[in-house]
N, C-alpha and C. Protein backbone atom coordinates (compact mmCIF):
# COMPACT_ATOMS: atom_id res chain seq x y z
N MET A 1 9.55 42.58 44.06
CA MET A 1 9.80 42.14 45.66
C MET A 1 10.64 43.54 45.92
N GLY A 2 9.77 44.25 47.06
CA GLY A 2 11.00 45.37 47.55
C GLY A 2 10.99 45.12 49.36
N ILE A 3 11.72 46.35 49.56
CA ILE A 3 11.66 46.45 50.97
C ILE A 3 10.83 47.08 51.75
N LYS A 4 10.65 46.53 52.71
CA LYS A 4 9.48 46.91 53.62
C LYS A 4 10.38 47.71 54.72
N ILE A 5 9.48 48.75 54.66
CA ILE A 5 10.41 49.77 55.84
C ILE A 5 8.94 50.45 55.81
N GLU A 6 9.14 51.30 57.64
CA GLU A 6 7.80 51.90 57.72
C GLU A 6 8.85 53.06 58.38
N PHE A 7 8.35 54.53 58.15
CA PHE A 7 8.80 55.91 58.41
C PHE A 7 8.09 56.23 59.63
N ASN A 8 8.46 56.13 60.52
CA ASN A 8 7.56 56.78 62.18
C ASN A 8 7.96 57.97 62.91
N PRO A 9 6.63 58.75 62.54
CA PRO A 9 7.05 60.42 63.02
C PRO A 9 7.16 60.25 64.61
N ASP A 10 6.76 59.24 65.20
CA ASP A 10 6.77 59.10 66.44
C ASP A 10 7.40 58.00 66.72
N LEU A 11 7.17 57.76 68.24
CA LEU A 11 7.83 56.65 69.00
C LEU A 11 6.31 55.81 69.71
N ALA A 12 5.82 55.07 69.47
CA ALA A 12 4.74 54.53 69.95
C ALA A 12 5.09 53.11 70.52
N LEU A 13 4.87 53.04 71.95
CA LEU A 13 5.54 51.93 72.96
C LEU A 13 3.92 52.08 73.88
N ARG A 14 4.32 50.79 74.08
CA ARG A 14 2.95 50.13 74.77
C ARG A 14 3.12 50.36 76.47
N ASP A 15 2.01 50.48 77.19
CA ASP A 15 1.60 50.79 78.55
C ASP A 15 2.61 49.50 78.84
N VAL A 16 3.53 49.85 80.37
CA VAL A 16 4.10 48.98 80.90
C VAL A 16 3.09 47.78 81.62
N SER A 17 1.89 47.69 81.49
CA SER A 17 1.05 46.65 82.17
C SER A 17 1.60 45.68 81.18
N GLU A 18 1.45 46.07 79.91
CA GLU A 18 1.52 44.55 78.92
C GLU A 18 3.14 43.88 79.37
N TYR A 19 4.46 44.57 79.71
CA TYR A 19 5.38 43.93 80.07
C TYR A 19 4.84 43.30 81.74
N LYS A 20 4.75 43.75 82.48
CA LYS A 20 3.72 43.18 83.70
C LYS A 20 2.77 42.19 83.67
N ASN A 21 2.16 41.87 82.96
CA ASN A 21 1.30 40.77 82.33
C ASN A 21 2.27 39.73 81.25
N GLY A 22 3.34 40.13 80.97
CA GLY A 22 4.14 38.82 80.49
C GLY A 22 3.89 38.78 78.77
N ASN A 23 3.12 39.74 78.08
CA ASN A 23 2.73 39.82 77.27
C ASN A 23 4.17 40.55 76.40
N ARG A 24 4.77 41.52 76.76
CA ARG A 24 5.89 42.48 76.18
C ARG A 24 6.87 42.10 76.57
N LYS A 25 8.24 42.68 76.30
CA LYS A 25 9.56 43.18 77.03
C LYS A 25 9.58 44.47 77.16
N ILE A 26 10.35 45.03 78.34
CA ILE A 26 10.20 46.09 78.67
C ILE A 26 10.54 46.79 77.95
N GLU A 27 11.16 46.51 76.80
CA GLU A 27 11.93 47.67 75.72
C GLU A 27 10.70 47.73 74.70
N GLU A 28 9.92 47.17 74.87
CA GLU A 28 8.36 47.65 74.12
C GLU A 28 7.58 48.51 74.55
N CYS A 29 7.74 48.64 76.11
CA CYS A 29 6.48 49.50 76.82
C CYS A 29 7.58 50.96 77.92
N ILE A 30 6.32 51.98 77.25
CA ILE A 30 6.55 53.40 78.16
C ILE A 30 6.97 52.91 79.65
N PRO A 31 8.21 53.16 80.37
CA PRO A 31 8.82 53.29 81.39
C PRO A 31 7.75 53.94 82.41
N GLU A 32 7.42 52.87 83.54
CA GLU A 32 6.39 53.10 84.53
C GLU A 32 6.63 54.94 85.51
N ASN A 33 8.06 54.94 85.60
CA ASN A 33 8.12 56.64 85.85
C ASN A 33 9.43 56.88 85.24
N ILE A 34 9.23 57.21 83.77
CA ILE A 34 9.96 58.03 82.84
C ILE A 34 9.87 59.65 83.59
N LYS A 35 11.44 59.57 83.25
CA LYS A 35 12.04 61.34 84.04
C LYS A 35 12.78 62.07 82.90
N ARG A 36 12.24 63.19 83.10
CA ARG A 36 13.17 64.35 82.16
C ARG A 36 14.89 64.17 82.33
N GLY A 37 15.33 64.10 80.92
CA GLY A 37 16.78 63.60 80.82
C GLY A 37 17.82 62.16 80.67
N GLU A 38 16.32 61.48 81.12
CA GLU A 38 16.86 59.84 80.98
C GLU A 38 16.97 59.42 79.69
N VAL A 39 17.97 58.52 79.61
CA VAL A 39 18.10 57.40 78.25
C VAL A 39 17.35 56.14 78.56
N TYR A 40 16.66 55.57 77.71
CA TYR A 40 15.71 54.35 78.11
C TYR A 40 16.09 53.98 76.03
N ASN A 41 16.09 52.64 76.86
CA ASN A 41 15.73 51.48 75.38
C ASN A 41 14.29 51.33 74.34
N PHE A 42 14.83 51.35 73.46
CA PHE A 42 13.00 50.92 72.62
C PHE A 42 13.32 49.70 72.18
N LEU A 43 12.25 48.85 71.58
CA LEU A 43 12.08 47.64 70.72
C LEU A 43 11.08 47.91 69.98
N LYS A 44 11.04 47.50 68.79
CA LYS A 44 9.77 47.94 68.12
C LYS A 44 9.99 46.56 66.58
N LYS A 45 8.75 45.89 66.21
CA LYS A 45 8.61 44.99 65.28
C LYS A 45 9.21 45.65 63.82
N ASP A 46 9.47 45.04 63.44
CA ASP A 46 9.39 45.54 61.94
C ASP A 46 10.88 46.16 61.71
N GLN A 47 11.12 46.41 60.59
CA GLN A 47 11.75 47.56 59.88
C GLN A 47 11.47 48.78 59.78
N ARG A 48 12.01 49.85 61.05
CA ARG A 48 11.40 51.26 61.23
C ARG A 48 12.54 52.58 61.14
N ASN A 49 12.00 53.33 60.55
CA ASN A 49 13.19 54.74 60.07
C ASN A 49 12.19 55.92 60.97
N TYR A 50 13.33 56.59 61.78
CA TYR A 50 12.54 57.42 62.82
C TYR A 50 13.73 58.47 62.35
N TRP A 51 13.12 59.95 62.92
CA TRP A 51 14.02 61.52 62.62
C TRP A 51 14.67 61.36 63.90
N LEU A 52 16.07 61.65 63.11
CA LEU A 52 17.24 61.51 64.53
C LEU A 52 17.67 63.06 64.43
N PHE A 53 17.20 63.88 64.26
CA PHE A 53 18.01 65.48 64.37
C PHE A 53 16.70 66.40 64.72
N GLY A 54 16.04 65.77 65.62
CA GLY A 54 15.11 66.57 66.63
C GLY A 54 14.03 66.03 67.56
N GLU A 55 13.40 66.78 67.93
CA GLU A 55 12.66 65.80 68.92
C GLU A 55 11.28 65.48 68.56
N ILE A 56 10.48 64.12 68.93
CA ILE A 56 9.15 63.85 68.52
C ILE A 56 8.51 63.64 69.44
N PRO A 57 7.42 63.00 69.44
CA PRO A 57 6.37 62.53 70.42
C PRO A 57 6.66 61.26 70.65
N LEU A 58 6.75 60.86 72.15
CA LEU A 58 6.99 59.47 72.71
C LEU A 58 4.90 59.36 72.69
N VAL A 59 4.57 58.10 72.20
CA VAL A 59 3.03 58.03 72.18
C VAL A 59 2.87 56.32 72.69
N GLU A 60 1.81 56.51 73.38
CA GLU A 60 1.12 54.97 73.94
C GLU A 60 0.20 54.30 72.37
N THR A 61 0.58 52.86 72.67
CA THR A 61 -0.11 52.01 71.52
C THR A 61 -0.43 51.23 72.12
N LYS A 62 -2.47 51.41 71.38
CA LYS A 62 -2.85 49.87 71.86
C LYS A 62 -3.09 48.85 70.54
N GLY A 63 -2.38 49.26 69.99
CA GLY A 63 -2.03 48.36 68.87
C GLY A 63 -3.26 49.02 67.29
N SER A 64 -2.87 48.64 66.67
CA SER A 64 -4.12 48.68 65.50
C SER A 64 -3.87 49.92 64.90
N GLU A 65 -2.71 50.72 65.24
CA GLU A 65 -2.50 52.20 64.84
C GLU A 65 -3.65 53.15 65.79
N LYS A 66 -4.04 52.62 67.46
CA LYS A 66 -4.54 53.17 68.20
C LYS A 66 -3.53 54.05 69.30
N LEU A 67 -3.65 55.49 68.97
CA LEU A 67 -2.32 56.06 69.65
C LEU A 67 -2.91 57.20 70.82
N SER A 68 -2.29 57.44 71.51
CA SER A 68 -2.64 58.28 72.57
C SER A 68 -1.98 59.82 72.07
N ARG A 69 -2.36 61.01 72.72
CA ARG A 69 -1.80 61.77 72.82
C ARG A 69 -0.69 62.01 73.26
N PRO A 70 0.36 62.89 73.30
CA PRO A 70 2.05 62.29 73.51
C PRO A 70 1.82 62.55 74.98
N LYS A 71 2.72 61.23 75.70
CA LYS A 71 3.01 61.56 76.46
C LYS A 71 4.87 61.84 76.69
N ALA A 72 5.18 62.46 76.11
CA ALA A 72 6.28 62.63 76.48
C ALA A 72 7.24 63.60 75.16
N GLY A 73 8.25 64.28 75.08
CA GLY A 73 9.15 64.75 73.99
C GLY A 73 10.39 63.77 74.16
N ILE A 74 10.85 63.50 73.20
CA ILE A 74 12.34 62.91 73.00
C ILE A 74 12.84 63.21 71.92
N VAL A 75 13.88 62.16 72.22
CA VAL A 75 15.04 62.70 70.84
C VAL A 75 15.63 61.05 70.53
N ILE A 76 15.39 60.97 69.43
CA ILE A 76 15.95 59.42 69.24
C ILE A 76 17.09 59.72 69.19
N LEU A 77 18.16 58.66 69.76
CA LEU A 77 19.49 58.82 70.16
C LEU A 77 20.21 57.82 68.67
N GLU A 78 19.34 56.41 68.52
CA GLU A 78 20.30 55.61 67.99
C GLU A 78 19.36 54.51 67.32
N ALA A 79 19.25 53.99 66.22
CA ALA A 79 18.08 52.98 65.82
C ALA A 79 19.06 51.85 65.27
N THR A 80 18.67 50.85 65.42
CA THR A 80 19.20 49.59 64.88
C THR A 80 18.63 48.61 64.12
N HIS A 81 18.53 48.01 62.90
CA HIS A 81 17.88 47.12 62.83
C HIS A 81 18.46 45.72 62.76
N PHE A 82 17.60 44.64 63.39
CA PHE A 82 18.61 43.20 63.26
C PHE A 82 16.87 42.17 63.07
N VAL A 83 17.86 41.02 62.77
CA VAL A 83 16.87 39.73 62.54
C VAL A 83 17.45 38.70 63.65
N GLU A 84 15.85 38.22 64.06
CA GLU A 84 15.90 37.13 65.31
C GLU A 84 14.72 36.66 64.54
N ASN A 85 15.08 34.81 65.20
CA ASN A 85 14.25 34.10 64.31
C ASN A 85 13.42 34.37 62.92
N GLY A 86 14.03 35.08 62.28
CA GLY A 86 13.51 35.21 60.94
C GLY A 86 12.57 36.04 60.77
N GLU A 87 12.76 37.23 61.99
CA GLU A 87 11.49 38.20 62.25
C GLU A 87 12.69 39.37 62.26
N ILE A 88 12.69 40.47 61.71
CA ILE A 88 12.98 41.99 61.77
C ILE A 88 12.54 42.97 62.48
N TYR A 89 13.18 43.48 63.39
CA TYR A 89 13.09 44.23 64.66
C TYR A 89 14.10 45.41 64.44
N THR A 90 13.68 46.74 64.98
CA THR A 90 14.51 47.60 65.37
C THR A 90 14.07 47.89 66.93
N ARG A 91 15.72 48.42 66.95
CA ARG A 91 16.22 48.72 68.32
C ARG A 91 16.75 49.83 68.57
N GLY A 92 16.68 50.90 69.73
CA GLY A 92 17.34 51.83 70.14
C GLY A 92 17.24 52.35 71.53
N LYS A 93 17.60 53.79 71.40
CA LYS A 93 17.79 54.59 72.56
C LYS A 93 17.61 55.56 72.01
N TYR A 94 16.84 56.52 73.66
CA TYR A 94 15.92 57.42 72.87
C TYR A 94 16.28 58.37 74.27
N ARG A 95 16.23 59.91 74.50
CA ARG A 95 16.72 60.50 75.51
C ARG A 95 15.26 61.55 76.09
N VAL A 96 14.63 61.61 77.23
CA VAL A 96 13.17 62.30 77.19
C VAL A 96 13.81 64.00 77.51
N VAL A 97 12.96 64.52 76.65
CA VAL A 97 13.43 66.09 76.83
C VAL A 97 12.19 66.62 77.59
N GLU A 98 11.10 65.98 77.44
CA GLU A 98 10.20 66.44 78.92
C GLU A 98 8.88 65.47 78.64
N VAL A 99 8.09 65.62 79.96
CA VAL A 99 7.37 64.41 80.45
C VAL A 99 6.47 65.39 80.34
N PHE A 100 5.04 65.43 79.49
CA PHE A 100 3.73 65.70 79.71
C PHE A 100 2.61 65.22 80.23
N LYS A 101 2.16 66.12 81.11
CA LYS A 101 1.38 65.65 82.08
C LYS A 101 -0.14 66.38 82.11
N ASP A 102 -0.48 66.54 80.98
CA ASP A 102 -1.80 67.15 80.69
C ASP A 102 -1.92 66.77 79.13
N VAL A 103 -2.93 67.18 78.87
CA VAL A 103 -3.21 66.80 77.03
C VAL A 103 -3.22 67.84 76.07
N GLU A 104 -2.80 68.76 76.55
CA GLU A 104 -2.58 70.23 75.42
C GLU A 104 -1.78 69.52 74.80
N ILE A 105 -2.43 70.26 73.67
CA ILE A 105 -1.39 69.97 71.90
C ILE A 105 0.15 70.52 72.45
N LYS A 106 1.36 69.14 72.24
CA LYS A 106 2.29 69.72 72.19
C LYS A 106 3.00 70.06 70.57
N PHE A 107 2.85 69.28 69.85
CA PHE A 107 3.49 69.37 68.52
C PHE A 107 2.69 70.27 67.28
N GLU A 108 3.09 70.98 66.34
CA GLU A 108 2.72 71.25 65.29
C GLU A 108 3.57 70.35 64.27
N CYS A 109 3.10 69.17 63.67
CA CYS A 109 3.87 68.47 62.28
C CYS A 109 5.19 67.74 63.53
N PHE A 110 6.49 68.65 62.98
CA PHE A 110 7.36 67.70 63.71
C PHE A 110 7.89 68.73 64.82
N ASP A 111 7.34 69.97 64.75
CA ASP A 111 7.53 70.88 65.70
C ASP A 111 7.27 71.15 66.81
N ARG A 112 7.55 70.69 68.17
CA ARG A 112 7.27 71.35 69.40
C ARG A 112 6.36 73.48 69.11
N THR A 113 4.92 72.90 69.79
CA THR A 113 4.14 74.21 69.52
C THR A 113 5.10 75.48 70.32
N GLY A 114 4.80 76.85 69.12
CA GLY A 114 5.62 77.55 69.62
C GLY A 114 6.63 77.86 69.32
N LYS A 115 7.07 77.06 68.28
CA LYS A 115 8.39 76.96 67.61
C LYS A 115 8.20 77.45 65.67
N ARG A 116 7.07 77.62 65.67
CA ARG A 116 6.89 78.53 64.18
C ARG A 116 6.12 79.76 64.31
N GLU A 117 6.42 80.12 63.66
CA GLU A 117 5.87 81.70 63.69
C GLU A 117 4.65 81.76 62.73
């Protein structure tokens, strides 16, 4: 028996309509008016590890690993694992570096475009 851990290269949250419809907690969703420089809370089911030493994409998920292009570049400030009602979760905080208004490619692997030679 092993420890089930998922390594995520991005933070995938739901559309805020999922919260408004009563399907998700607000921390599981991308903020409606996400702003550069602001810090937001997140919540994910399961035990997840995120890269903490730089910017990663914030993407929207519809479930089943169906992901959008990046909605923003973020930095994870903290991530904590905890158990509630026999289920494991990861919660934390992230700061928004930049909000993306178009669908242009913003990342090459873990780097923002233009940083690699």
